[in-house]
């Protein structure tokens, strides 16, 4: 059986204190109670930048501007393969709201590894920590 490949985008949003936004997956989501960079699936015909801006508006009820791609990681889960692209984004309007997630927090880069991250996000967390 071929696993379905899912294109996913994740927003790396930094606040004015150089802290990174982290989102806790809710108990009803797949990978419950694990941390991730917020984002979601890329729809057919959408660019990565359009997808992340749309997803954050839907999920976190705020507006962002996609700036640049930080990195990409492909992770094979039990039922699907996720190709996750992390994109550095700036908050343009509003404040992120935990609508679908259990919780949102801002953390210093050096503290990111203290959280239990979703497997696909882990290599990207390491990339984010090393960004100057």
N, C-alpha and C. Protein backbone atom coordinates (compact mmCIF):
# COMPACT_ATOMS: atom_id res chain seq x y z
N UNK A 1 0.84 -1.18 0.00
CA UNK A 1 0.00 0.00 0.00
C UNK A 1 0.88 1.25 0.00
N UNK A 2 0.60 2.14 -0.92
CA UNK A 2 1.36 3.39 -0.95
C UNK A 2 0.77 4.38 0.04
N UNK A 3 1.64 4.94 0.84
CA UNK A 3 1.17 5.97 1.77
C UNK A 3 0.99 7.26 1.02
N UNK A 4 0.00 8.02 1.45
CA UNK A 4 -0.28 9.30 0.82
C UNK A 4 0.73 10.33 1.31
N UNK A 5 1.25 11.10 0.36
CA UNK A 5 2.17 12.19 0.71
C UNK A 5 1.36 13.46 0.91
N UNK A 6 1.51 14.06 2.08
CA UNK A 6 0.77 15.28 2.39
C UNK A 6 1.75 16.45 2.52
N UNK A 7 1.50 17.49 1.75
CA UNK A 7 2.32 18.71 1.84
C UNK A 7 1.77 19.58 2.96
N UNK A 8 2.63 19.89 3.92
CA UNK A 8 2.20 20.68 5.06
C UNK A 8 3.15 21.87 5.24
N UNK A 9 2.57 23.00 5.63
CA UNK A 9 3.39 24.18 5.91
C UNK A 9 3.26 24.54 7.38
N UNK A 10 4.34 25.09 7.93
CA UNK A 10 4.36 25.47 9.34
C UNK A 10 4.94 26.87 9.47
N UNK A 11 4.28 27.68 10.28
CA UNK A 11 4.73 29.07 10.45
C UNK A 11 5.67 29.18 11.64
N UNK A 12 6.82 29.81 11.41
CA UNK A 12 7.73 30.13 12.49
C UNK A 12 7.58 31.63 12.71
N UNK A 13 6.83 31.97 13.77
CA UNK A 13 6.49 33.37 14.04
C UNK A 13 7.26 33.82 15.27
N UNK A 14 8.03 34.87 15.09
CA UNK A 14 8.86 35.38 16.19
C UNK A 14 8.24 36.68 16.70
N UNK A 15 8.18 36.83 18.02
CA UNK A 15 7.66 38.10 18.56
C UNK A 15 8.80 39.10 18.74
N UNK A 16 8.47 40.27 19.27
CA UNK A 16 9.49 41.33 19.41
C UNK A 16 10.58 40.97 20.41
N UNK A 17 10.34 39.97 21.26
CA UNK A 17 11.37 39.52 22.21
C UNK A 17 12.20 38.36 21.68
N UNK A 18 12.11 38.14 20.36
CA UNK A 18 12.81 37.02 19.71
C UNK A 18 12.37 35.66 20.24
N UNK A 19 11.13 35.57 20.67
CA UNK A 19 10.59 34.27 21.09
C UNK A 19 9.75 33.70 19.95
N UNK A 20 9.70 32.37 19.88
CA UNK A 20 9.04 31.68 18.79
C UNK A 20 7.68 31.14 19.26
N UNK A 21 6.67 31.30 18.41
CA UNK A 21 5.33 30.80 18.74
C UNK A 21 5.27 29.28 18.59
N UNK A 22 4.82 28.61 19.66
CA UNK A 22 4.68 27.15 19.67
C UNK A 22 3.21 26.82 19.97
N UNK A 23 2.68 25.82 19.29
CA UNK A 23 1.27 25.47 19.44
C UNK A 23 1.14 24.03 19.95
N UNK A 24 0.30 23.84 20.96
CA UNK A 24 0.07 22.51 21.54
C UNK A 24 -1.15 21.90 20.87
N UNK A 25 -0.94 20.73 20.25
CA UNK A 25 -2.05 20.04 19.59
C UNK A 25 -3.07 19.58 20.63
N UNK A 26 -4.33 19.75 20.29
CA UNK A 26 -5.37 19.42 21.26
C UNK A 26 -5.55 17.90 21.36
N UNK A 27 -6.20 17.43 22.45
CA UNK A 27 -6.38 15.98 22.64
C UNK A 27 -7.18 15.31 21.53
N UNK A 28 -7.96 16.06 20.75
CA UNK A 28 -8.76 15.42 19.70
C UNK A 28 -8.04 15.40 18.35
N UNK A 29 -6.89 16.05 18.24
CA UNK A 29 -6.13 16.05 16.98
C UNK A 29 -5.31 14.76 16.89
N UNK A 30 -4.84 14.44 15.68
CA UNK A 30 -3.85 13.37 15.60
C UNK A 30 -2.60 13.91 16.29
N UNK A 31 -1.74 13.03 16.79
CA UNK A 31 -0.58 13.44 17.59
C UNK A 31 -1.02 14.37 18.73
N UNK A 32 -1.96 13.92 19.55
CA UNK A 32 -2.49 14.78 20.62
C UNK A 32 -1.41 15.19 21.61
N UNK A 33 -1.55 16.39 22.14
CA UNK A 33 -0.69 16.90 23.21
C UNK A 33 0.79 16.97 22.84
N UNK A 34 1.07 17.09 21.55
CA UNK A 34 2.45 17.33 21.12
C UNK A 34 2.51 18.75 20.59
N UNK A 35 3.70 19.32 20.63
CA UNK A 35 3.89 20.70 20.18
C UNK A 35 4.24 20.72 18.70
N UNK A 36 3.89 21.83 18.06
CA UNK A 36 4.20 22.00 16.65
C UNK A 36 4.30 23.48 16.35
N UNK A 37 4.88 23.77 15.17
CA UNK A 37 4.75 25.11 14.64
C UNK A 37 3.39 25.11 13.95
N UNK A 38 2.55 26.11 14.21
CA UNK A 38 1.20 26.07 13.65
C UNK A 38 1.20 26.15 12.13
N UNK A 39 0.21 25.54 11.52
CA UNK A 39 0.12 25.55 10.07
C UNK A 39 -0.88 24.51 9.61
N UNK A 40 -0.68 23.97 8.43
CA UNK A 40 -1.61 22.96 7.95
C UNK A 40 -1.31 22.54 6.53
N UNK A 41 -2.27 21.83 5.95
CA UNK A 41 -2.09 21.25 4.62
C UNK A 41 -2.13 22.31 3.52
N UNK A 42 -1.29 22.06 2.52
CA UNK A 42 -1.29 22.89 1.32
C UNK A 42 -2.37 22.34 0.39
N UNK A 43 -3.26 23.20 -0.07
CA UNK A 43 -4.31 22.75 -0.98
C UNK A 43 -3.82 22.79 -2.41
N UNK A 44 -4.48 22.02 -3.26
CA UNK A 44 -4.08 21.92 -4.66
C UNK A 44 -4.02 23.30 -5.32
N UNK A 45 -2.92 23.55 -6.02
CA UNK A 45 -2.79 24.81 -6.74
C UNK A 45 -2.33 25.98 -5.88
N UNK A 46 -2.13 25.73 -4.59
CA UNK A 46 -1.72 26.81 -3.69
C UNK A 46 -0.20 26.87 -3.58
N UNK A 47 0.34 28.07 -3.47
CA UNK A 47 1.78 28.16 -3.18
C UNK A 47 1.97 27.95 -1.68
N UNK A 48 3.19 27.62 -1.28
CA UNK A 48 3.49 27.41 0.14
C UNK A 48 3.17 28.68 0.93
N UNK A 49 3.52 29.84 0.36
CA UNK A 49 3.31 31.10 1.06
C UNK A 49 1.81 31.40 1.23
N UNK A 50 1.05 31.17 0.17
CA UNK A 50 -0.40 31.39 0.24
C UNK A 50 -1.02 30.45 1.27
N UNK A 51 -0.57 29.19 1.25
CA UNK A 51 -1.12 28.18 2.15
C UNK A 51 -0.89 28.56 3.61
N UNK A 52 0.32 28.98 3.95
CA UNK A 52 0.60 29.28 5.37
C UNK A 52 -0.17 30.52 5.81
N UNK A 53 -0.29 31.50 4.94
CA UNK A 53 -1.04 32.70 5.31
C UNK A 53 -2.52 32.37 5.53
N UNK A 54 -3.07 31.50 4.69
CA UNK A 54 -4.47 31.08 4.83
C UNK A 54 -4.67 30.25 6.10
N UNK A 55 -3.78 29.27 6.30
CA UNK A 55 -3.92 28.37 7.45
C UNK A 55 -3.87 29.14 8.77
N UNK A 56 -2.95 30.10 8.89
CA UNK A 56 -2.82 30.85 10.15
C UNK A 56 -4.05 31.73 10.37
N UNK A 57 -4.57 32.29 9.30
CA UNK A 57 -5.80 33.09 9.43
C UNK A 57 -6.94 32.20 9.95
N UNK A 58 -7.05 30.97 9.40
CA UNK A 58 -8.11 30.04 9.82
C UNK A 58 -7.89 29.54 11.24
N UNK A 59 -6.65 29.12 11.53
CA UNK A 59 -6.37 28.45 12.81
C UNK A 59 -6.16 29.41 13.97
N UNK A 60 -5.45 30.49 13.72
CA UNK A 60 -5.04 31.37 14.83
C UNK A 60 -5.72 32.73 14.79
N UNK A 61 -6.59 32.94 13.80
CA UNK A 61 -7.39 34.17 13.72
C UNK A 61 -6.54 35.45 13.70
N UNK A 62 -5.41 35.40 13.01
CA UNK A 62 -4.58 36.60 12.85
C UNK A 62 -3.95 36.56 11.46
N UNK A 63 -3.37 37.67 11.04
CA UNK A 63 -2.77 37.75 9.71
C UNK A 63 -1.26 37.74 9.80
N UNK A 64 -0.65 36.96 8.92
CA UNK A 64 0.82 36.91 8.85
C UNK A 64 1.25 37.15 7.42
N UNK A 65 2.54 37.44 7.28
CA UNK A 65 3.16 37.56 5.96
C UNK A 65 4.29 36.54 5.92
N UNK A 66 4.25 35.64 4.93
CA UNK A 66 5.32 34.66 4.77
C UNK A 66 6.56 35.36 4.21
N UNK A 67 7.71 35.13 4.86
CA UNK A 67 8.94 35.83 4.48
C UNK A 67 9.90 34.92 3.70
N UNK A 68 10.29 33.81 4.32
CA UNK A 68 11.23 32.92 3.64
C UNK A 68 11.15 31.51 4.21
N UNK A 69 11.55 30.57 3.39
CA UNK A 69 11.54 29.16 3.82
C UNK A 69 12.77 28.89 4.68
N UNK A 70 12.54 28.29 5.84
CA UNK A 70 13.63 27.98 6.77
C UNK A 70 14.18 26.59 6.48
N UNK A 71 13.30 25.68 6.18
CA UNK A 71 13.75 24.32 5.92
C UNK A 71 12.57 23.42 5.67
N UNK A 72 12.91 22.16 5.37
CA UNK A 72 11.88 21.22 4.98
C UNK A 72 12.26 19.87 5.56
N UNK A 73 11.26 19.08 5.94
CA UNK A 73 11.53 17.75 6.47
C UNK A 73 10.42 16.81 6.02
N UNK A 74 10.83 15.62 5.61
CA UNK A 74 9.85 14.60 5.24
C UNK A 74 9.84 13.55 6.35
N UNK A 75 8.64 13.27 6.86
CA UNK A 75 8.53 12.30 7.96
C UNK A 75 7.45 11.29 7.65
N UNK A 76 7.80 10.02 7.84
CA UNK A 76 6.84 8.97 7.59
C UNK A 76 6.13 8.58 8.88
N UNK A 77 4.83 8.81 8.90
CA UNK A 77 4.00 8.37 10.03
C UNK A 77 3.39 7.02 9.67
N UNK A 78 2.58 6.49 10.55
CA UNK A 78 1.99 5.17 10.35
C UNK A 78 1.15 5.12 9.07
N UNK A 79 0.34 6.14 8.84
CA UNK A 79 -0.60 6.09 7.71
C UNK A 79 -0.25 7.03 6.55
N UNK A 80 0.53 8.06 6.81
CA UNK A 80 0.84 9.03 5.76
C UNK A 80 2.31 9.45 5.83
N UNK A 81 2.76 10.09 4.76
CA UNK A 81 4.08 10.72 4.76
C UNK A 81 3.83 12.23 4.71
N UNK A 82 4.46 12.94 5.63
CA UNK A 82 4.28 14.38 5.69
C UNK A 82 5.54 15.07 5.18
N UNK A 83 5.36 15.96 4.22
CA UNK A 83 6.47 16.80 3.79
C UNK A 83 6.21 18.18 4.39
N UNK A 84 6.97 18.50 5.42
CA UNK A 84 6.70 19.70 6.21
C UNK A 84 7.71 20.79 5.86
N UNK A 85 7.20 21.95 5.46
CA UNK A 85 8.05 23.09 5.15
C UNK A 85 7.82 24.17 6.19
N UNK A 86 8.89 24.57 6.88
CA UNK A 86 8.79 25.64 7.87
C UNK A 86 9.10 26.97 7.19
N UNK A 87 8.24 27.94 7.44
CA UNK A 87 8.38 29.25 6.80
C UNK A 87 8.43 30.34 7.86
N UNK A 88 9.44 31.17 7.76
CA UNK A 88 9.54 32.31 8.68
C UNK A 88 8.46 33.30 8.28
N UNK A 89 7.67 33.72 9.27
CA UNK A 89 6.54 34.61 9.01
C UNK A 89 6.55 35.77 10.00
N UNK A 90 6.03 36.89 9.55
CA UNK A 90 5.84 38.03 10.44
C UNK A 90 4.37 38.22 10.72
N UNK A 91 4.07 38.54 11.97
CA UNK A 91 2.70 38.85 12.35
C UNK A 91 2.36 40.22 11.77
N UNK A 92 1.26 40.31 11.04
CA UNK A 92 0.88 41.57 10.40
C UNK A 92 -0.25 42.23 11.17
N UNK A 93 -1.22 41.43 11.60
CA UNK A 93 -2.40 41.99 12.22
C UNK A 93 -3.00 41.00 13.22
N UNK A 94 -3.39 41.52 14.38
CA UNK A 94 -4.04 40.67 15.37
C UNK A 94 -3.04 39.89 16.21
N UNK A 95 -3.56 39.16 17.18
CA UNK A 95 -2.73 38.30 18.02
C UNK A 95 -3.21 36.86 17.82
N UNK A 96 -2.27 35.90 17.77
CA UNK A 96 -2.68 34.51 17.59
C UNK A 96 -3.61 34.03 18.72
N UNK A 97 -4.65 33.30 18.34
CA UNK A 97 -5.63 32.77 19.29
C UNK A 97 -5.64 31.25 19.17
N UNK A 98 -5.59 30.57 20.31
CA UNK A 98 -5.65 29.10 20.30
C UNK A 98 -7.09 28.67 20.09
N UNK A 99 -7.45 28.46 18.84
CA UNK A 99 -8.81 28.08 18.50
C UNK A 99 -8.89 26.56 18.37
N UNK A 100 -8.03 26.00 17.52
CA UNK A 100 -7.99 24.55 17.34
C UNK A 100 -6.99 23.90 18.29
N UNK A 101 -6.02 24.66 18.74
CA UNK A 101 -4.98 24.11 19.62
C UNK A 101 -5.39 24.24 21.09
N UNK A 102 -4.75 23.44 21.95
CA UNK A 102 -5.01 23.54 23.39
C UNK A 102 -4.40 24.81 23.96
N UNK A 103 -3.27 25.20 23.39
CA UNK A 103 -2.51 26.27 24.01
C UNK A 103 -1.47 26.82 23.04
N UNK A 104 -1.19 28.11 23.16
CA UNK A 104 -0.11 28.74 22.39
C UNK A 104 0.84 29.40 23.37
N UNK A 105 2.13 29.23 23.15
CA UNK A 105 3.11 29.93 23.99
C UNK A 105 4.24 30.47 23.12
N UNK A 106 4.89 31.50 23.62
CA UNK A 106 6.11 32.00 22.99
C UNK A 106 7.28 31.54 23.85
N UNK A 107 8.30 30.97 23.20
CA UNK A 107 9.47 30.48 23.94
C UNK A 107 10.74 31.01 23.30
N UNK A 108 11.76 31.24 24.14
CA UNK A 108 13.09 31.55 23.62
C UNK A 108 13.61 30.35 22.83
N UNK A 109 14.39 30.64 21.78
CA UNK A 109 14.93 29.56 20.95
C UNK A 109 15.64 28.49 21.78
N UNK A 110 16.42 28.91 22.77
CA UNK A 110 17.20 27.92 23.53
C UNK A 110 16.32 27.01 24.39
N UNK A 111 15.07 27.40 24.57
CA UNK A 111 14.16 26.55 25.36
C UNK A 111 13.23 25.67 24.52
N UNK A 112 13.32 25.81 23.21
CA UNK A 112 12.40 25.06 22.34
C UNK A 112 12.49 23.55 22.55
N UNK A 113 13.70 23.07 22.76
CA UNK A 113 13.87 21.61 22.87
C UNK A 113 13.32 21.03 24.17
N UNK A 114 12.85 21.90 25.07
CA UNK A 114 12.26 21.39 26.31
C UNK A 114 10.84 20.86 26.09
N UNK A 115 10.25 21.17 24.93
CA UNK A 115 8.89 20.71 24.64
C UNK A 115 8.92 19.35 23.94
N UNK A 116 7.80 18.63 24.01
CA UNK A 116 7.66 17.37 23.28
C UNK A 116 7.02 17.69 21.92
N UNK A 117 7.86 17.69 20.89
CA UNK A 117 7.43 18.10 19.56
C UNK A 117 6.89 16.93 18.75
N UNK A 118 5.99 17.22 17.82
CA UNK A 118 5.54 16.22 16.85
C UNK A 118 6.78 15.80 16.04
N UNK A 119 6.89 14.51 15.72
CA UNK A 119 8.11 14.01 15.08
C UNK A 119 8.54 14.78 13.83
N UNK A 120 7.62 15.18 12.98
CA UNK A 120 7.99 15.89 11.75
C UNK A 120 8.61 17.25 12.03
N UNK A 121 8.26 17.84 13.19
CA UNK A 121 8.75 19.19 13.51
C UNK A 121 10.17 19.18 14.10
N UNK A 122 10.60 18.06 14.65
CA UNK A 122 11.86 18.03 15.42
C UNK A 122 13.08 18.54 14.64
N UNK A 123 13.34 18.06 13.41
CA UNK A 123 14.50 18.60 12.68
C UNK A 123 14.38 20.09 12.40
N UNK A 124 13.15 20.55 12.24
CA UNK A 124 12.94 21.98 11.95
C UNK A 124 13.15 22.82 13.20
N UNK A 125 12.83 22.27 14.36
CA UNK A 125 13.10 22.96 15.63
C UNK A 125 14.60 23.22 15.73
N UNK A 126 15.40 22.21 15.39
CA UNK A 126 16.86 22.36 15.45
C UNK A 126 17.32 23.46 14.48
N UNK A 127 16.71 23.51 13.29
CA UNK A 127 17.06 24.58 12.33
C UNK A 127 16.73 25.95 12.89
N UNK A 128 15.54 26.06 13.48
CA UNK A 128 15.09 27.35 14.02
C UNK A 128 16.04 27.82 15.13
N UNK A 129 16.48 26.88 15.98
CA UNK A 129 17.38 27.23 17.08
C UNK A 129 18.69 27.81 16.53
N UNK A 130 19.12 27.31 15.37
CA UNK A 130 20.41 27.74 14.82
C UNK A 130 20.32 28.98 13.93
N UNK A 131 19.14 29.52 13.74
CA UNK A 131 19.01 30.75 12.93
C UNK A 131 19.52 31.92 13.74
N UNK A 132 20.31 32.71 13.11
CA UNK A 132 20.84 33.91 13.81
C UNK A 132 19.90 35.07 13.61
